[in-house]
C-alpha atoms as a PDB file:
ATOM      1  CA  UNK A   1       6.113 -22.408 -11.022  1.00  0.00           C
ATOM      2  CA  UNK A   2       9.415 -20.984  -9.788  1.00  0.00           C
ATOM      3  CA  UNK A   3       9.336 -18.415 -12.586  1.00  0.00           C
ATOM      4  CA  UNK A   4       5.853 -17.250 -11.502  1.00  0.00           C
ATOM      5  CA  UNK A   5       6.984 -16.837  -7.898  1.00  0.00           C
ATOM      6  CA  UNK A   6      10.095 -14.962  -8.964  1.00  0.00           C
ATOM      7  CA  UNK A   7       8.053 -12.659 -11.225  1.00  0.00           C
ATOM      8  CA  UNK A   8       5.618 -11.905  -8.429  1.00  0.00           C
ATOM      9  CA  UNK A   9       8.360 -11.128  -5.903  1.00  0.00           C
ATOM     10  CA  UNK A  10      10.674  -9.202  -8.133  1.00  0.00           C
ATOM     11  CA  UNK A  11       8.499  -8.058 -11.054  1.00  0.00           C
ATOM     12  CA  UNK A  12       7.858  -4.571  -9.631  1.00  0.00           C
ATOM     13  CA  UNK A  13      11.559  -4.195  -8.729  1.00  0.00           C
ATOM     14  CA  UNK A  14      12.614  -5.119 -12.220  1.00  0.00           C
ATOM     15  CA  UNK A  15      10.089  -2.726 -13.752  1.00  0.00           C
ATOM     16  CA  UNK A  16      11.068   0.127 -11.494  1.00  0.00           C
ATOM     17  CA  UNK A  17      14.804  -0.448 -12.107  1.00  0.00           C
ATOM     18  CA  UNK A  18      14.367  -0.555 -15.843  1.00  0.00           C
ATOM     19  CA  UNK A  19      12.194   2.563 -15.706  1.00  0.00           C
ATOM     20  CA  UNK A  20      14.775   4.390 -13.555  1.00  0.00           C
ATOM     21  CA  UNK A  21      17.604   3.458 -15.865  1.00  0.00           C
ATOM     22  CA  UNK A  22      15.664   4.720 -18.864  1.00  0.00           C
ATOM     23  CA  UNK A  23      14.082   7.940 -17.510  1.00  0.00           C
ATOM     24  CA  UNK A  24      15.927   8.749 -14.328  1.00  0.00           C
ATOM     25  CA  UNK A  25      14.939   8.285 -10.650  1.00  0.00           C
ATOM     26  CA  UNK A  26      12.421  11.108 -10.287  1.00  0.00           C
ATOM     27  CA  UNK A  27       9.387   9.558 -12.100  1.00  0.00           C
ATOM     28  CA  UNK A  28       9.559   6.164 -10.279  1.00  0.00           C
ATOM     29  CA  UNK A  29      10.048   7.886  -6.911  1.00  0.00           C
ATOM     30  CA  UNK A  30       7.145  10.197  -7.574  1.00  0.00           C
ATOM     31  CA  UNK A  31       4.925   7.161  -8.436  1.00  0.00           C
ATOM     32  CA  UNK A  32       5.947   5.243  -5.276  1.00  0.00           C
ATOM     33  CA  UNK A  33       5.490   8.411  -3.144  1.00  0.00           C
ATOM     34  CA  UNK A  34       2.073   9.086  -4.685  1.00  0.00           C
ATOM     35  CA  UNK A  35       0.909   5.517  -4.144  1.00  0.00           C
ATOM     36  CA  UNK A  36       1.988   5.694  -0.491  1.00  0.00           C
ATOM     37  CA  UNK A  37       0.284   9.047   0.105  1.00  0.00           C
ATOM     38  CA  UNK A  38      -2.811   7.951  -1.788  1.00  0.00           C
ATOM     39  CA  UNK A  39      -3.291   4.785   0.258  1.00  0.00           C
ATOM     40  CA  UNK A  40      -2.667   6.785   3.458  1.00  0.00           C
ATOM     41  CA  UNK A  41      -5.345   9.328   2.503  1.00  0.00           C
ATOM     42  CA  UNK A  42      -7.827   6.580   1.535  1.00  0.00           C
ATOM     43  CA  UNK A  43      -7.166   4.956   4.970  1.00  0.00           C
ATOM     44  CA  UNK A  44      -7.651   8.166   6.810  1.00  0.00           C
ATOM     45  CA  UNK A  45     -10.896   8.912   5.020  1.00  0.00           C
ATOM     46  CA  UNK A  46     -12.232   5.374   5.786  1.00  0.00           C
ATOM     47  CA  UNK A  47     -11.141   5.784   9.464  1.00  0.00           C
ATOM     48  CA  UNK A  48     -12.911   9.092   9.836  1.00  0.00           C
ATOM     49  CA  UNK A  49     -16.019   7.870   8.048  1.00  0.00           C
ATOM     50  CA  UNK A  50     -16.448   4.361   9.484  1.00  0.00           C
ATOM     51  CA  UNK A  51     -14.273   4.451  12.608  1.00  0.00           C
ATOM     52  CA  UNK A  52     -17.033   4.932  15.166  1.00  0.00           C
ATOM     53  CA  UNK A  53     -19.406   2.458  13.645  1.00  0.00           C
ATOM     54  CA  UNK A  54     -16.582  -0.186  13.392  1.00  0.00           C
ATOM     55  CA  UNK A  55     -15.733   0.502  17.092  1.00  0.00           C
ATOM     56  CA  UNK A  56     -19.398   0.141  17.999  1.00  0.00           C
ATOM     57  CA  UNK A  57     -19.767  -3.185  16.027  1.00  0.00           C
ATOM     58  CA  UNK A  58     -16.679  -4.566  17.796  1.00  0.00           C
ATOM     59  CA  UNK A  59     -17.285  -3.158  21.288  1.00  0.00           C
ATOM     60  CA  UNK A  60     -17.293  -6.572  22.973  1.00  0.00           C
ATOM     61  CA  UNK A  61     -14.299  -7.918  21.082  1.00  0.00           C
ATOM     62  CA  UNK A  62     -11.182  -9.012  22.906  1.00  0.00           C
ATOM     63  CA  UNK A  63      -9.056  -6.973  20.471  1.00  0.00           C
ATOM     64  CA  UNK A  64      -9.719  -3.851  22.600  1.00  0.00           C
ATOM     65  CA  UNK A  65      -7.988  -5.414  25.591  1.00  0.00           C
ATOM     66  CA  UNK A  66      -4.621  -5.471  23.963  1.00  0.00           C
END
């Protein structure tokens, strides 16, 4: 069980470190940057597309009072 937890916490770090040692730091950094930008673009598209309807569905929610 401990090995599974360790793998889930540090598996990506071990993979990126091995990849960087083998091919240099540019490809792993480009992958991480691409993932960050990609998720940000997906979030912006979803916000623009469904933002008003989500706000309308939650108009009486207490979350808007924060």
